[in-house]
Amino acid sequence: MFFKSENVYDASSSKSKYPSGIKIYKAYVKNTAGFHFQHRLAGEFQFKGGKVTGATKDVNLTGAMYSESHNTWIDKLDPSVWVVQSHGTFRAFKFLFEYNTYLTVKLLGSGDYRIERAAIGF
């Protein structure tokens, strides 16, 4: 019997205390009462050595009976915590009311993300 092994190592001992890589994050809110609308926030973030090293943001607002607008930004709280925030506005055609949507996603240098806020207000 013949066995050949190459590059054998203990994977548990080679793991870094701080992982690195790229992850996708996403969050959304939607109204399903009356005329429907939806606010989506998504993107990628890079992390290395316990720090967030970059992030993107993409926003999509949909609603057939509304005019939509948004303001979206990234706050760098410290090297290991970045926060992506998006505020959407949906104005109903022919009516005098509007909805405001709020999405907040915290990006962590560990490679995790948390949806901190996903809300609809009047």
C-alpha atoms as a PDB file:
ATOM      1  CA  MET A   1       0.000   0.000   0.000  1.00  0.00           C
ATOM      2  CA  PHE A   2       1.290   3.483  -0.858  1.00  0.00           C
ATOM      3  CA  PHE A   3       0.118   6.816   0.594  1.00  0.00           C
ATOM      4  CA  LYS A   4       1.215  10.202  -0.577  1.00  0.00           C
ATOM      5  CA  SER A   5       0.578  13.376   1.336  1.00  0.00           C
ATOM      6  CA  GLU A   6       1.503  16.934   0.538  1.00  0.00           C
ATOM      7  CA  ASN A   7       0.997  20.148   2.480  1.00  0.00           C
ATOM      8  CA  VAL A   8      -0.430  18.397   5.485  1.00  0.00           C
ATOM      9  CA  TYR A   9      -1.002  20.674   8.465  1.00  0.00           C
ATOM     10  CA  ASP A  10      -3.298  21.059  11.410  1.00  0.00           C
ATOM     11  CA  ALA A  11      -6.005  23.451  10.186  1.00  0.00           C
ATOM     12  CA  SER A  12      -7.013  24.390  13.723  1.00  0.00           C
ATOM     13  CA  SER A  13      -3.546  25.709  14.535  1.00  0.00           C
ATOM     14  CA  SER A  14      -3.356  27.764  11.324  1.00  0.00           C
ATOM     15  CA  LYS A  15      -6.536  29.750  11.903  1.00  0.00           C
ATOM     16  CA  SER A  16      -5.969  33.403  12.535  1.00  0.00           C
ATOM     17  CA  LYS A  17      -7.442  35.075  15.574  1.00  0.00           C
ATOM     18  CA  TYR A  18      -8.789  37.671  13.136  1.00  0.00           C
ATOM     19  CA  PRO A  19     -10.275  36.268   9.932  1.00  0.00           C
ATOM     20  CA  SER A  20     -10.122  38.130   6.649  1.00  0.00           C
ATOM     21  CA  GLY A  21     -12.293  38.146   3.572  1.00  0.00           C
ATOM     22  CA  ILE A  22     -15.276  39.686   1.841  1.00  0.00           C
ATOM     23  CA  LYS A  23     -18.907  39.279   2.888  1.00  0.00           C
ATOM     24  CA  ILE A  24     -22.247  40.400   1.503  1.00  0.00           C
ATOM     25  CA  TYR A  25     -24.728  42.160   3.781  1.00  0.00           C
ATOM     26  CA  LYS A  26     -28.393  42.930   3.127  1.00  0.00           C
ATOM     27  CA  ALA A  27     -31.437  44.333   4.869  1.00  0.00           C
ATOM     28  CA  TYR A  28     -34.891  45.434   3.770  1.00  0.00           C
ATOM     29  CA  VAL A  29     -38.260  46.686   4.912  1.00  0.00           C
ATOM     30  CA  LYS A  30     -41.504  46.552   2.978  1.00  0.00           C
ATOM     31  CA  ASN A  31     -45.060  47.723   3.315  1.00  0.00           C
ATOM     32  CA  THR A  32     -47.675  45.150   2.320  1.00  0.00           C
ATOM     33  CA  ALA A  33     -50.769  47.128   3.338  1.00  0.00           C
ATOM     34  CA  GLY A  34     -52.471  49.159   0.616  1.00  0.00           C
ATOM     35  CA  PHE A  35     -50.033  50.084  -2.143  1.00  0.00           C
ATOM     36  CA  HIS A  36     -46.880  48.096  -1.615  1.00  0.00           C
ATOM     37  CA  PHE A  37     -43.349  49.514  -1.440  1.00  0.00           C
ATOM     38  CA  GLN A  38     -39.947  48.209  -0.474  1.00  0.00           C
ATOM     39  CA  HIS A  39     -36.585  49.645   0.598  1.00  0.00           C
ATOM     40  CA  ARG A  40     -33.520  47.380   0.176  1.00  0.00           C
ATOM     41  CA  LEU A  41     -29.948  48.005   1.274  1.00  0.00           C
ATOM     42  CA  ALA A  42     -27.134  45.652   0.294  1.00  0.00           C
ATOM     43  CA  GLY A  43     -23.416  45.655  -0.328  1.00  0.00           C
ATOM     44  CA  GLU A  44     -20.101  44.013   0.338  1.00  0.00           C
ATOM     45  CA  PHE A  45     -17.556  44.663   3.026  1.00  0.00           C
ATOM     46  CA  GLN A  46     -13.931  43.644   3.371  1.00  0.00           C
ATOM     47  CA  PHE A  47     -12.317  42.819   6.697  1.00  0.00           C
ATOM     48  CA  LYS A  48      -8.808  41.893   7.757  1.00  0.00           C
ATOM     49  CA  GLY A  49      -6.985  41.751  11.066  1.00  0.00           C
ATOM     50  CA  GLY A  50     -10.117  42.611  13.052  1.00  0.00           C
ATOM     51  CA  LYS A  51     -10.729  45.759  11.030  1.00  0.00           C
ATOM     52  CA  VAL A  52     -13.183  46.712   8.316  1.00  0.00           C
ATOM     53  CA  THR A  53     -11.062  47.757   5.337  1.00  0.00           C
ATOM     54  CA  GLY A  54     -13.762  48.740   2.837  1.00  0.00           C
ATOM     55  CA  ALA A  55     -17.470  48.656   2.094  1.00  0.00           C
ATOM     56  CA  THR A  56     -19.963  49.295  -0.694  1.00  0.00           C
ATOM     57  CA  LYS A  57     -23.628  50.226  -0.531  1.00  0.00           C
ATOM     58  CA  ASP A  58     -26.439  49.692  -3.009  1.00  0.00           C
ATOM     59  CA  VAL A  59     -29.994  50.913  -2.430  1.00  0.00           C
ATOM     60  CA  ASN A  60     -33.142  49.902  -4.256  1.00  0.00           C
ATOM     61  CA  LEU A  61     -36.511  51.570  -3.618  1.00  0.00           C
ATOM     62  CA  THR A  62     -39.616  50.223  -5.350  1.00  0.00           C
ATOM     63  CA  GLY A  63     -43.270  51.201  -5.204  1.00  0.00           C
ATOM     64  CA  ALA A  64     -45.553  51.694  -8.193  1.00  0.00           C
ATOM     65  CA  MET A  65     -47.716  54.382  -6.592  1.00  0.00           C
ATOM     66  CA  TYR A  66     -44.912  56.378  -4.950  1.00  0.00           C
ATOM     67  CA  SER A  67     -42.129  58.729  -5.819  1.00  0.00           C
ATOM     68  CA  GLU A  68     -39.004  57.490  -4.039  1.00  0.00           C
ATOM     69  CA  SER A  69     -35.822  59.098  -2.762  1.00  0.00           C
ATOM     70  CA  HIS A  70     -33.103  58.119  -0.325  1.00  0.00           C
ATOM     71  CA  ASN A  71     -30.037  59.312   1.519  1.00  0.00           C
ATOM     72  CA  THR A  72     -27.476  56.586   2.252  1.00  0.00           C
ATOM     73  CA  TRP A  73     -24.075  56.859   3.914  1.00  0.00           C
ATOM     74  CA  ILE A  74     -21.359  54.958   5.797  1.00  0.00           C
ATOM     75  CA  ASP A  75     -20.102  56.093   9.225  1.00  0.00           C
ATOM     76  CA  LYS A  76     -16.719  54.778  10.373  1.00  0.00           C
ATOM     77  CA  LEU A  77     -17.118  54.568  14.155  1.00  0.00           C
ATOM     78  CA  ASP A  78     -13.648  53.065  14.572  1.00  0.00           C
ATOM     79  CA  PRO A  79     -11.460  50.764  12.419  1.00  0.00           C
ATOM     80  CA  SER A  80     -13.395  47.668  13.517  1.00  0.00           C
ATOM     81  CA  VAL A  81     -16.956  49.039  13.321  1.00  0.00           C
ATOM     82  CA  TRP A  82     -18.553  50.746  10.334  1.00  0.00           C
ATOM     83  CA  VAL A  83     -22.264  51.580  10.147  1.00  0.00           C
ATOM     84  CA  VAL A  84     -24.248  51.810   6.903  1.00  0.00           C
ATOM     85  CA  GLN A  85     -27.403  53.909   7.196  1.00  0.00           C
ATOM     86  CA  SER A  86     -30.153  54.512   4.666  1.00  0.00           C
ATOM     87  CA  HIS A  87     -33.196  56.763   4.984  1.00  0.00           C
ATOM     88  CA  GLY A  88     -35.847  56.317   2.300  1.00  0.00           C
ATOM     89  CA  THR A  89     -38.873  58.475   1.529  1.00  0.00           C
ATOM     90  CA  PHE A  90     -41.964  57.271  -0.321  1.00  0.00           C
ATOM     91  CA  ARG A  91     -44.458  59.991  -1.330  1.00  0.00           C
ATOM     92  CA  ALA A  92     -47.852  58.775  -2.463  1.00  0.00           C
ATOM     93  CA  PHE A  93     -49.094  60.176  -5.763  1.00  0.00           C
ATOM     94  CA  LYS A  94     -52.327  62.201  -5.513  1.00  0.00           C
ATOM     95  CA  PHE A  95     -52.322  61.956  -1.708  1.00  0.00           C
ATOM     96  CA  LEU A  96     -50.754  64.175   0.889  1.00  0.00           C
ATOM     97  CA  PHE A  97     -48.876  61.589   2.898  1.00  0.00           C
ATOM     98  CA  GLU A  98     -45.470  59.972   2.889  1.00  0.00           C
ATOM     99  CA  TYR A  99     -43.694  57.056   4.489  1.00  0.00           C
ATOM    100  CA  ASN A 100     -40.141  57.143   5.810  1.00  0.00           C
ATOM    101  CA  THR A 101     -38.025  54.006   5.970  1.00  0.00           C
ATOM    102  CA  TYR A 102     -34.871  53.467   7.994  1.00  0.00           C
ATOM    103  CA  LEU A 103     -32.214  50.788   7.610  1.00  0.00           C
ATOM    104  CA  THR A 104     -29.052  50.594   9.719  1.00  0.00           C
ATOM    105  CA  VAL A 105     -26.466  47.820   9.344  1.00  0.00           C
ATOM    106  CA  LYS A 106     -23.380  47.523  11.555  1.00  0.00           C
ATOM    107  CA  LEU A 107     -20.325  45.978   9.845  1.00  0.00           C
ATOM    108  CA  LEU A 108     -17.769  44.369  12.151  1.00  0.00           C
ATOM    109  CA  GLY A 109     -14.083  43.626  11.679  1.00  0.00           C
ATOM    110  CA  SER A 110     -14.779  40.027  12.737  1.00  0.00           C
ATOM    111  CA  GLY A 111     -16.661  39.524   9.451  1.00  0.00           C
ATOM    112  CA  ASP A 112     -20.099  39.647  11.046  1.00  0.00           C
ATOM    113  CA  TYR A 113     -22.836  42.186  10.413  1.00  0.00           C
ATOM    114  CA  ARG A 114     -25.909  43.146  12.405  1.00  0.00           C
ATOM    115  CA  ILE A 115     -29.127  44.788  11.310  1.00  0.00           C
ATOM    116  CA  GLU A 116     -29.528  47.472  13.960  1.00  0.00           C
ATOM    117  CA  ARG A 117     -32.676  49.110  12.575  1.00  0.00           C
ATOM    118  CA  ALA A 118     -35.301  48.225   9.966  1.00  0.00           C
ATOM    119  CA  ALA A 119     -38.347  50.442  10.376  1.00  0.00           C
ATOM    120  CA  ILE A 120     -41.182  52.253   8.587  1.00  0.00           C
ATOM    121  CA  GLY A 121     -42.587  55.514   9.920  1.00  0.00           C
ATOM    122  CA  PHE A 122     -45.247  57.989   8.804  1.00  0.00           C
END
